Amino acid sequence: MLDIIKQPILTEKSNMLSEKNNTYTFIVNKDSNKIEIKNAIEKLYNVAVDSVNTMNYGGGKRKMKQTSRGISFQRNKLYKKAVVRVAEGDIIDLYENI
């Protein structure tokens, strides 16, 4: 479970989504699928999950950077984000372990 869910995303937009639409965002393992994410969220937080949407980020066009050793190229880190919608009445308390 812990290798699938890496960390929750705590931003203003994700807090607004959790209050209005009962959806929560997490950074997940890039090799996991929607069914694995759903089962992990249900076991970790004891909630019923309605839907899971996933998005892949990072990679893309490489950027050139001038350093003292010469020119180096780098890309953004790859990660996967999951937006999880839980059933009405269920709440995930993301701040309890802080």
PDB file of N, CA and C in Angstrom:
ATOM      1  N   MET A   1       0.805  -1.192   0.000  1.00  0.00           N
ATOM      2  CA  MET A   1       0.000   0.000   0.000  1.00  0.00           C
ATOM      3  C   MET A   1       0.854   1.263   0.000  1.00  0.00           C
ATOM      4  N   LEU A   2       1.852   1.271   0.876  1.00  0.00           N
ATOM      5  CA  LEU A   2       2.666   2.479   0.991  1.00  0.00           C
ATOM      6  C   LEU A   2       3.555   2.693  -0.222  1.00  0.00           C
ATOM      7  N   ASP A   3       3.833   1.624  -0.997  1.00  0.00           N
ATOM      8  CA  ASP A   3       4.631   1.819  -2.200  1.00  0.00           C
ATOM      9  C   ASP A   3       3.776   2.322  -3.355  1.00  0.00           C
ATOM     10  N   ILE A   4       2.462   2.243  -3.253  1.00  0.00           N
ATOM     11  CA  ILE A   4       1.583   2.771  -4.303  1.00  0.00           C
ATOM     12  C   ILE A   4       1.300   4.250  -4.057  1.00  0.00           C
ATOM     13  N   ILE A   5       0.896   4.608  -2.840  1.00  0.00           N
ATOM     14  CA  ILE A   5       0.597   5.999  -2.484  1.00  0.00           C
ATOM     15  C   ILE A   5       1.848   6.610  -1.880  1.00  0.00           C
ATOM     16  N   LYS A   6       2.425   7.608  -2.557  1.00  0.00           N
ATOM     17  CA  LYS A   6       3.644   8.234  -2.050  1.00  0.00           C
ATOM     18  C   LYS A   6       3.341   9.349  -1.063  1.00  0.00           C
ATOM     19  N   GLN A   7       2.495  10.311  -1.465  1.00  0.00           N
ATOM     20  CA  GLN A   7       2.168  11.427  -0.578  1.00  0.00           C
ATOM     21  C   GLN A   7       0.936  12.153  -1.090  1.00  0.00           C
ATOM     22  N   PRO A   8       0.198  12.786  -0.184  1.00  0.00           N
ATOM     23  CA  PRO A   8      -0.927  13.616  -0.639  1.00  0.00           C
ATOM     24  C   PRO A   8      -0.417  14.970  -1.119  1.00  0.00           C
ATOM     25  N   ILE A   9      -1.166  15.596  -1.998  1.00  0.00           N
ATOM     26  CA  ILE A   9      -0.832  16.927  -2.484  1.00  0.00           C
ATOM     27  C   ILE A   9      -1.690  17.914  -1.699  1.00  0.00           C
ATOM     28  N   LEU A  10      -1.040  18.809  -0.960  1.00  0.00           N
ATOM     29  CA  LEU A  10      -1.734  19.774  -0.113  1.00  0.00           C
ATOM     30  C   LEU A  10      -1.506  21.179  -0.650  1.00  0.00           C
ATOM     31  N   THR A  11      -2.356  21.592  -1.567  1.00  0.00           N
ATOM     32  CA  THR A  11      -2.292  22.930  -2.138  1.00  0.00           C
ATOM     33  C   THR A  11      -3.653  23.596  -1.960  1.00  0.00           C
ATOM     34  N   GLU A  12      -3.732  24.864  -2.318  1.00  0.00           N
ATOM     35  CA  GLU A  12      -5.003  25.572  -2.214  1.00  0.00           C
ATOM     36  C   GLU A  12      -6.064  24.951  -3.124  1.00  0.00           C
ATOM     37  N   LYS A  13      -5.655  24.583  -4.313  1.00  0.00           N
ATOM     38  CA  LYS A  13      -6.606  24.003  -5.259  1.00  0.00           C
ATOM     39  C   LYS A  13      -7.098  22.642  -4.774  1.00  0.00           C
ATOM     40  N   SER A  14      -6.199  21.801  -4.246  1.00  0.00           N
ATOM     41  CA  SER A  14      -6.623  20.491  -3.766  1.00  0.00           C
ATOM     42  C   SER A  14      -7.500  20.610  -2.524  1.00  0.00           C
ATOM     43  N   ASN A  15      -7.232  21.599  -1.664  1.00  0.00           N
ATOM     44  CA  ASN A  15      -8.099  21.820  -0.506  1.00  0.00           C
ATOM     45  C   ASN A  15      -9.489  22.275  -0.931  1.00  0.00           C
ATOM     46  N   MET A  16      -9.558  23.124  -1.946  1.00  0.00           N
ATOM     47  CA  MET A  16     -10.850  23.572  -2.457  1.00  0.00           C
ATOM     48  C   MET A  16     -11.634  22.399  -3.045  1.00  0.00           C
ATOM     49  N   LEU A  17     -10.957  21.522  -3.796  1.00  0.00           N
ATOM     50  CA  LEU A  17     -11.613  20.356  -4.368  1.00  0.00           C
ATOM     51  C   LEU A  17     -12.124  19.406  -3.294  1.00  0.00           C
ATOM     52  N   SER A  18     -11.340  19.242  -2.222  1.00  0.00           N
ATOM     53  CA  SER A  18     -11.773  18.330  -1.164  1.00  0.00           C
ATOM     54  C   SER A  18     -12.982  18.882  -0.416  1.00  0.00           C
ATOM     55  N   GLU A  19     -13.076  20.188  -0.273  1.00  0.00           N
ATOM     56  CA  GLU A  19     -14.219  20.773   0.418  1.00  0.00           C
ATOM     57  C   GLU A  19     -15.479  20.770  -0.439  1.00  0.00           C
ATOM     58  N   LYS A  20     -15.342  21.089  -1.729  1.00  0.00           N
ATOM     59  CA  LYS A  20     -16.520  21.216  -2.582  1.00  0.00           C
ATOM     60  C   LYS A  20     -16.965  19.890  -3.191  1.00  0.00           C
ATOM     61  N   ASN A  21     -16.021  19.129  -3.762  1.00  0.00           N
ATOM     62  CA  ASN A  21     -16.378  17.946  -4.543  1.00  0.00           C
ATOM     63  C   ASN A  21     -16.044  16.630  -3.864  1.00  0.00           C
ATOM     64  N   ASN A  22     -15.485  16.677  -2.655  1.00  0.00           N
ATOM     65  CA  ASN A  22     -15.091  15.474  -1.925  1.00  0.00           C
ATOM     66  C   ASN A  22     -14.055  14.660  -2.713  1.00  0.00           C
ATOM     67  N   THR A  23     -13.104  15.353  -3.357  1.00  0.00           N
ATOM     68  CA  THR A  23     -12.022  14.698  -4.091  1.00  0.00           C
ATOM     69  C   THR A  23     -10.688  15.058  -3.447  1.00  0.00           C
ATOM     70  N   TYR A  24      -9.749  14.126  -3.510  1.00  0.00           N
ATOM     71  CA  TYR A  24      -8.431  14.300  -2.895  1.00  0.00           C
ATOM     72  C   TYR A  24      -7.372  13.927  -3.923  1.00  0.00           C
ATOM     73  N   THR A  25      -6.219  14.605  -3.868  1.00  0.00           N
ATOM     74  CA  THR A  25      -5.154  14.363  -4.836  1.00  0.00           C
ATOM     75  C   THR A  25      -3.950  13.747  -4.130  1.00  0.00           C
ATOM     76  N   PHE A  26      -3.301  12.806  -4.818  1.00  0.00           N
ATOM     77  CA  PHE A  26      -2.146  12.100  -4.292  1.00  0.00           C
ATOM     78  C   PHE A  26      -1.100  11.942  -5.382  1.00  0.00           C
ATOM     79  N   ILE A  27       0.166  11.910  -4.982  1.00  0.00           N
ATOM     80  CA  ILE A  27       1.232  11.484  -5.880  1.00  0.00           C
ATOM     81  C   ILE A  27       1.380   9.986  -5.679  1.00  0.00           C
ATOM     82  N   VAL A  28       1.313   9.241  -6.761  1.00  0.00           N
ATOM     83  CA  VAL A  28       1.331   7.780  -6.684  1.00  0.00           C
ATOM     84  C   VAL A  28       2.490   7.228  -7.506  1.00  0.00           C
ATOM     85  N   ASN A  29       2.739   5.948  -7.337  1.00  0.00           N
ATOM     86  CA  ASN A  29       3.772   5.260  -8.111  1.00  0.00           C
ATOM     87  C   ASN A  29       3.387   5.289  -9.586  1.00  0.00           C
ATOM     88  N   LYS A  30       4.348   5.579 -10.449  1.00  0.00           N
ATOM     89  CA  LYS A  30       4.018   5.766 -11.864  1.00  0.00           C
ATOM     90  C   LYS A  30       3.644   4.462 -12.569  1.00  0.00           C
ATOM     91  N   ASP A  31       3.909   3.316 -11.935  1.00  0.00           N
ATOM     92  CA  ASP A  31       3.560   2.032 -12.546  1.00  0.00           C
ATOM     93  C   ASP A  31       2.218   1.486 -12.056  1.00  0.00           C
ATOM     94  N   SER A  32       1.574   2.161 -11.117  1.00  0.00           N
ATOM     95  CA  SER A  32       0.321   1.655 -10.565  1.00  0.00           C
ATOM     96  C   SER A  32      -0.853   2.050 -11.452  1.00  0.00           C
ATOM     97  N   ASN A  33      -1.900   1.208 -11.417  1.00  0.00           N
ATOM     98  CA  ASN A  33      -3.085   1.502 -12.220  1.00  0.00           C
ATOM     99  C   ASN A  33      -4.219   1.961 -11.315  1.00  0.00           C
ATOM    100  N   LYS A  34      -5.381   2.272 -11.899  1.00  0.00           N
ATOM    101  CA  LYS A  34      -6.487   2.853 -11.151  1.00  0.00           C
ATOM    102  C   LYS A  34      -7.055   1.890 -10.109  1.00  0.00           C
ATOM    103  N   ILE A  35      -7.093   0.616 -10.428  1.00  0.00           N
ATOM    104  CA  ILE A  35      -7.641  -0.372  -9.498  1.00  0.00           C
ATOM    105  C   ILE A  35      -6.738  -0.502  -8.274  1.00  0.00           C
ATOM    106  N   GLU A  36      -5.428  -0.529  -8.476  1.00  0.00           N
ATOM    107  CA  GLU A  36      -4.496  -0.605  -7.344  1.00  0.00           C
ATOM    108  C   GLU A  36      -4.582   0.645  -6.471  1.00  0.00           C
ATOM    109  N   ILE A  37      -4.715   1.800  -7.096  1.00  0.00           N
ATOM    110  CA  ILE A  37      -4.834   3.058  -6.341  1.00  0.00           C
ATOM    111  C   ILE A  37      -6.126   3.051  -5.527  1.00  0.00           C
ATOM    112  N   LYS A  38      -7.219   2.611  -6.124  1.00  0.00           N
ATOM    113  CA  LYS A  38      -8.505   2.551  -5.428  1.00  0.00           C
ATOM    114  C   LYS A  38      -8.426   1.636  -4.214  1.00  0.00           C
ATOM    115  N   ASN A  39      -7.855   0.449  -4.378  1.00  0.00           N
ATOM    116  CA  ASN A  39      -7.746  -0.492  -3.258  1.00  0.00           C
ATOM    117  C   ASN A  39      -6.840   0.040  -2.157  1.00  0.00           C
ATOM    118  N   ALA A  40      -5.761   0.721  -2.525  1.00  0.00           N
ATOM    119  CA  ALA A  40      -4.838   1.265  -1.528  1.00  0.00           C
ATOM    120  C   ALA A  40      -5.493   2.378  -0.718  1.00  0.00           C
ATOM    121  N   ILE A  41      -6.234   3.268  -1.373  1.00  0.00           N
ATOM    122  CA  ILE A  41      -6.918   4.362  -0.671  1.00  0.00           C
ATOM    123  C   ILE A  41      -7.986   3.806   0.260  1.00  0.00           C
ATOM    124  N   GLU A  42      -8.739   2.807  -0.216  1.00  0.00           N
ATOM    125  CA  GLU A  42      -9.790   2.229   0.621  1.00  0.00           C
ATOM    126  C   GLU A  42      -9.221   1.560   1.865  1.00  0.00           C
ATOM    127  N   LYS A  43      -8.072   0.893   1.740  1.00  0.00           N
ATOM    128  CA  LYS A  43      -7.476   0.218   2.895  1.00  0.00           C
ATOM    129  C   LYS A  43      -6.786   1.197   3.839  1.00  0.00           C
ATOM    130  N   LEU A  44      -6.105   2.203   3.300  1.00  0.00           N
ATOM    131  CA  LEU A  44      -5.373   3.139   4.153  1.00  0.00           C
ATOM    132  C   LEU A  44      -6.298   4.065   4.942  1.00  0.00           C
ATOM    133  N   TYR A  45      -7.349   4.561   4.311  1.00  0.00           N
ATOM    134  CA  TYR A  45      -8.185   5.579   4.931  1.00  0.00           C
ATOM    135  C   TYR A  45      -9.583   5.096   5.312  1.00  0.00           C
ATOM    136  N   ASN A  46      -9.923   3.832   5.045  1.00  0.00           N
ATOM    137  CA  ASN A  46     -11.228   3.247   5.382  1.00  0.00           C
ATOM    138  C   ASN A  46     -12.386   4.080   4.829  1.00  0.00           C
ATOM    139  N   VAL A  47     -12.339   4.359   3.527  1.00  0.00           N
ATOM    140  CA  VAL A  47     -13.391   5.095   2.841  1.00  0.00           C
ATOM    141  C   VAL A  47     -13.807   4.312   1.599  1.00  0.00           C
ATOM    142  N   ALA A  48     -14.957   4.659   1.054  1.00  0.00           N
ATOM    143  CA  ALA A  48     -15.411   4.069  -0.201  1.00  0.00           C
ATOM    144  C   ALA A  48     -15.055   5.020  -1.336  1.00  0.00           C
ATOM    145  N   VAL A  49     -14.340   4.518  -2.331  1.00  0.00           N
ATOM    146  CA  VAL A  49     -13.879   5.337  -3.453  1.00  0.00           C
ATOM    147  C   VAL A  49     -14.858   5.201  -4.612  1.00  0.00           C
ATOM    148  N   ASP A  50     -15.323   6.344  -5.130  1.00  0.00           N
ATOM    149  CA  ASP A  50     -16.229   6.346  -6.280  1.00  0.00           C
ATOM    150  C   ASP A  50     -15.463   6.292  -7.595  1.00  0.00           C
ATOM    151  N   SER A  51     -14.461   7.156  -7.751  1.00  0.00           N
ATOM    152  CA  SER A  51     -13.739   7.193  -9.026  1.00  0.00           C
ATOM    153  C   SER A  51     -12.291   7.608  -8.802  1.00  0.00           C
ATOM    154  N   VAL A  52     -11.447   7.217  -9.756  1.00  0.00           N
ATOM    155  CA  VAL A  52     -10.025   7.560  -9.734  1.00  0.00           C
ATOM    156  C   VAL A  52      -9.645   8.063 -11.112  1.00  0.00           C
ATOM    157  N   ASN A  53      -9.055   9.256 -11.179  1.00  0.00           N
ATOM    158  CA  ASN A  53      -8.506   9.799 -12.420  1.00  0.00           C
ATOM    159  C   ASN A  53      -7.006   9.954 -12.237  1.00  0.00           C
ATOM    160  N   THR A  54      -6.225   9.584 -13.248  1.00  0.00           N
ATOM    161  CA  THR A  54      -4.772   9.665 -13.148  1.00  0.00           C
ATOM    162  C   THR A  54      -4.216  10.543 -14.251  1.00  0.00           C
ATOM    163  N   MET A  55      -3.081  11.197 -13.944  1.00  0.00           N
ATOM    164  CA  MET A  55      -2.389  12.052 -14.900  1.00  0.00           C
ATOM    165  C   MET A  55      -0.888  11.833 -14.771  1.00  0.00           C
ATOM    166  N   ASN A  56      -0.203  11.746 -15.900  1.00  0.00           N
ATOM    167  CA  ASN A  56       1.245  11.616 -15.907  1.00  0.00           C
ATOM    168  C   ASN A  56       1.873  12.977 -16.182  1.00  0.00           C
ATOM    169  N   TYR A  57       2.893  13.317 -15.391  1.00  0.00           N
ATOM    170  CA  TYR A  57       3.577  14.600 -15.513  1.00  0.00           C
ATOM    171  C   TYR A  57       5.072  14.384 -15.682  1.00  0.00           C
ATOM    172  N   GLY A  58       5.731  15.413 -16.170  1.00  0.00           N
ATOM    173  CA  GLY A  58       7.185  15.423 -16.258  1.00  0.00           C
ATOM    174  C   GLY A  58       7.692  14.958 -17.607  1.00  0.00           C
ATOM    175  N   GLY A  59       9.015  14.860 -17.698  1.00  0.00           N
ATOM    176  CA  GLY A  59       9.632  14.488 -18.965  1.00  0.00           C
ATOM    177  C   GLY A  59       9.610  15.661 -19.911  1.00  0.00           C
ATOM    178  N   GLY A  60       9.089  15.443 -21.072  1.00  0.00           N
ATOM    179  CA  GLY A  60       8.906  16.533 -22.024  1.00  0.00           C
ATOM    180  C   GLY A  60      10.205  16.999 -22.650  1.00  0.00           C
ATOM    181  N   LYS A  61      10.189  18.220 -23.116  1.00  0.00           N
ATOM    182  CA  LYS A  61      11.326  18.797 -23.812  1.00  0.00           C
ATOM    183  C   LYS A  61      12.474  19.027 -22.840  1.00  0.00           C
ATOM    184  N   ARG A  62      13.669  18.685 -23.254  1.00  0.00           N
ATOM    185  CA  ARG A  62      14.816  18.867 -22.367  1.00  0.00           C
ATOM    186  C   ARG A  62      15.243  20.327 -22.357  1.00  0.00           C
ATOM    187  N   LYS A  63      15.781  20.735 -21.219  1.00  0.00           N
ATOM    188  CA  LYS A  63      16.192  22.122 -21.047  1.00  0.00           C
ATOM    189  C   LYS A  63      17.704  22.190 -20.950  1.00  0.00           C
ATOM    190  N   MET A  64      18.274  23.224 -21.564  1.00  0.00           N
ATOM    191  CA  MET A  64      19.711  23.412 -21.557  1.00  0.00           C
ATOM    192  C   MET A  64      20.092  24.308 -20.383  1.00  0.00           C
ATOM    193  N   LYS A  65      21.159  23.920 -19.697  1.00  0.00           N
ATOM    194  CA  LYS A  65      21.600  24.657 -18.524  1.00  0.00           C
ATOM    195  C   LYS A  65      23.106  24.876 -18.639  1.00  0.00           C
ATOM    196  N   GLN A  66      23.535  26.119 -18.467  1.00  0.00           N
ATOM    197  CA  GLN A  66      24.955  26.466 -18.546  1.00  0.00           C
ATOM    198  C   GLN A  66      25.562  26.323 -17.146  1.00  0.00           C
ATOM    199  N   THR A  67      26.580  25.470 -16.996  1.00  0.00           N
ATOM    200  CA  THR A  67      27.251  25.277 -15.714  1.00  0.00           C
ATOM    201  C   THR A  67      28.737  25.550 -15.876  1.00  0.00           C
ATOM    202  N   SER A  68      29.466  25.488 -14.778  1.00  0.00           N
ATOM    203  CA  SER A  68      30.910  25.713 -14.841  1.00  0.00           C
ATOM    204  C   SER A  68      31.618  24.589 -15.578  1.00  0.00           C
ATOM    205  N   ARG A  69      31.002  23.430 -15.653  1.00  0.00           N
ATOM    206  CA  ARG A  69      31.589  22.290 -16.368  1.00  0.00           C
ATOM    207  C   ARG A  69      31.168  22.232 -17.828  1.00  0.00           C
ATOM    208  N   GLY A  70      30.359  23.161 -18.253  1.00  0.00           N
ATOM    209  CA  GLY A  70      29.896  23.168 -19.635  1.00  0.00           C
ATOM    210  C   GLY A  70      28.382  23.151 -19.693  1.00  0.00           C
ATOM    211  N   ILE A  71      27.858  22.721 -20.807  1.00  0.00           N
ATOM    212  CA  ILE A  71      26.419  22.701 -21.024  1.00  0.00           C
ATOM    213  C   ILE A  71      25.880  21.340 -20.600  1.00  0.00           C
ATOM    214  N   SER A  72      24.809  21.349 -19.825  1.00  0.00           N
ATOM    215  CA  SER A  72      24.157  20.100 -19.449  1.00  0.00           C
ATOM    216  C   SER A  72      22.682  20.196 -19.806  1.00  0.00           C
ATOM    217  N   PHE A  73      22.109  19.052 -20.087  1.00  0.00           N
ATOM    218  CA  PHE A  73      20.698  18.967 -20.438  1.00  0.00           C
ATOM    219  C   PHE A  73      19.965  18.211 -19.352  1.00  0.00           C
ATOM    220  N   GLN A  74      18.744  18.655 -19.030  1.00  0.00           N
ATOM    221  CA  GLN A  74      17.966  17.956 -18.022  1.00  0.00           C
ATOM    222  C   GLN A  74      16.492  18.026 -18.364  1.00  0.00           C
ATOM    223  N   ARG A  75      15.749  17.070 -17.847  1.00  0.00           N
ATOM    224  CA  ARG A  75      14.302  17.006 -18.025  1.00  0.00           C
ATOM    225  C   ARG A  75      13.637  17.069 -16.646  1.00  0.00           C
ATOM    226  N   ASN A  76      12.361  17.399 -16.638  1.00  0.00           N
ATOM    227  CA  ASN A  76      11.614  17.390 -15.388  1.00  0.00           C
ATOM    228  C   ASN A  76      11.451  15.953 -14.906  1.00  0.00           C
ATOM    229  N   LYS A  77      11.296  15.779 -13.592  1.00  0.00           N
ATOM    230  CA  LYS A  77      11.104  14.444 -13.045  1.00  0.00           C
ATOM    231  C   LYS A  77       9.728  13.916 -13.421  1.00  0.00           C
ATOM    232  N   LEU A  78       9.668  12.610 -13.664  1.00  0.00           N
ATOM    233  CA  LEU A  78       8.414  11.959 -13.995  1.00  0.00           C
ATOM    234  C   LEU A  78       7.660  11.618 -12.718  1.00  0.00           C
ATOM    235  N   TYR A  79       6.363  11.917 -12.685  1.00  0.00           N
ATOM    236  CA  TYR A  79       5.529  11.481 -11.580  1.00  0.00           C
ATOM    237  C   TYR A  79       4.099  11.338 -12.064  1.00  0.00           C
ATOM    238  N   LYS A  80       3.316  10.638 -11.268  1.00  0.00           N
ATOM    239  CA  LYS A  80       1.929  10.381 -11.614  1.00  0.00           C
ATOM    240  C   LYS A  80       1.048  10.925 -10.500  1.00  0.00           C
ATOM    241  N   LYS A  81      -0.006  11.625 -10.882  1.00  0.00           N
ATOM    242  CA  LYS A  81      -0.935  12.211  -9.924  1.00  0.00           C
ATOM    243  C   LYS A  81      -2.280  11.525 -10.061  1.00  0.00           C
ATOM    244  N   ALA A  82      -2.896  11.214  -8.911  1.00  0.00           N
ATOM    245  CA  ALA A  82      -4.221  10.592  -8.905  1.00  0.00           C
ATOM    246  C   ALA A  82      -5.198  11.514  -8.197  1.00  0.00           C
ATOM    247  N   VAL A  83      -6.348  11.734  -8.822  1.00  0.00           N
ATOM    248  CA  VAL A  83      -7.431  12.501  -8.217  1.00  0.00           C
ATOM    249  C   VAL A  83      -8.517  11.493  -7.850  1.00  0.00           C
ATOM    250  N   VAL A  84      -8.746  11.337  -6.537  1.00  0.00           N
ATOM    251  CA  VAL A  84      -9.632  10.301  -6.020  1.00  0.00           C
ATOM    252  C   VAL A  84     -10.892  10.953  -5.470  1.00  0.00           C
ATOM    253  N   ARG A  85     -12.034  10.481  -5.930  1.00  0.00           N
ATOM    254  CA  ARG A  85     -13.316  10.975  -5.423  1.00  0.00           C
ATOM    255  C   ARG A  85     -13.894   9.904  -4.505  1.00  0.00           C
ATOM    256  N   VAL A  86     -14.187  10.293  -3.256  1.00  0.00           N
ATOM    257  CA  VAL A  86     -14.742   9.342  -2.284  1.00  0.00           C
ATOM    258  C   VAL A  86     -16.254   9.529  -2.196  1.00  0.00           C
ATOM    259  N   ALA A  87     -16.909   8.550  -1.611  1.00  0.00           N
ATOM    260  CA  ALA A  87     -18.372   8.573  -1.509  1.00  0.00           C
ATOM    261  C   ALA A  87     -18.819   9.701  -0.582  1.00  0.00           C
ATOM    262  N   GLU A  88     -20.064  10.124  -0.762  1.00  0.00           N
ATOM    263  CA  GLU A  88     -20.606  11.192   0.082  1.00  0.00           C
ATOM    264  C   GLU A  88     -20.657  10.727   1.531  1.00  0.00           C
ATOM    265  N   GLY A  89     -20.263  11.619   2.428  1.00  0.00           N
ATOM    266  CA  GLY A  89     -20.246  11.289   3.845  1.00  0.00           C
ATOM    267  C   GLY A  89     -18.893  10.809   4.333  1.00  0.00           C
ATOM    268  N   ASP A  90     -18.044  10.311   3.442  1.00  0.00           N
ATOM    269  CA  ASP A  90     -16.694   9.876   3.825  1.00  0.00           C
ATOM    270  C   ASP A  90     -15.735  11.047   3.734  1.00  0.00           C
ATOM    271  N   ILE A  91     -14.820  11.127   4.690  1.00  0.00           N
ATOM    272  CA  ILE A  91     -13.832  12.201   4.738  1.00  0.00           C
ATOM    273  C   ILE A  91     -12.462  11.597   4.987  1.00  0.00           C
ATOM    274  N   ILE A  92     -11.459  12.077   4.270  1.00  0.00           N
ATOM    275  CA  ILE A  92     -10.063  11.699   4.504  1.00  0.00           C
ATOM    276  C   ILE A  92      -9.402  12.856   5.231  1.00  0.00           C
ATOM    277  N   ASP A  93      -8.880  12.581   6.436  1.00  0.00           N
ATOM    278  CA  ASP A  93      -8.194  13.609   7.216  1.00  0.00           C
ATOM    279  C   ASP A  93      -6.695  13.521   6.904  1.00  0.00           C
ATOM    280  N   LEU A  94      -6.221  14.389   6.020  1.00  0.00           N
ATOM    281  CA  LEU A  94      -4.819  14.353   5.591  1.00  0.00           C
ATOM    282  C   LEU A  94      -3.878  14.984   6.596  1.00  0.00           C
ATOM    283  N   TYR A  95      -4.409  15.735   7.548  1.00  0.00           N
ATOM    284  CA  TYR A  95      -3.576  16.468   8.500  1.00  0.00           C
ATOM    285  C   TYR A  95      -3.394  15.727   9.821  1.00  0.00           C
ATOM    286  N   GLU A  96      -3.903  14.523   9.963  1.00  0.00           N
ATOM    287  CA  GLU A  96      -3.820  13.840  11.246  1.00  0.00           C
ATOM    288  C   GLU A  96      -2.417  13.339  11.577  1.00  0.00           C
ATOM    289  N   ASN A  97      -1.577  13.079  10.579  1.00  0.00           N
ATOM    290  CA  ASN A  97      -0.241  12.545  10.826  1.00  0.00           C
ATOM    291  C   ASN A  97       0.844  13.600  10.842  1.00  0.00           C
ATOM    292  N   ILE A  98       0.476  14.863  10.709  1.00  0.00           N
ATOM    293  CA  ILE A  98       1.481  15.926  10.679  1.00  0.00           C
ATOM    294  C   ILE A  98       1.881  16.308  12.075  1.00  0.00           C
TER     295      ILE A  98
END
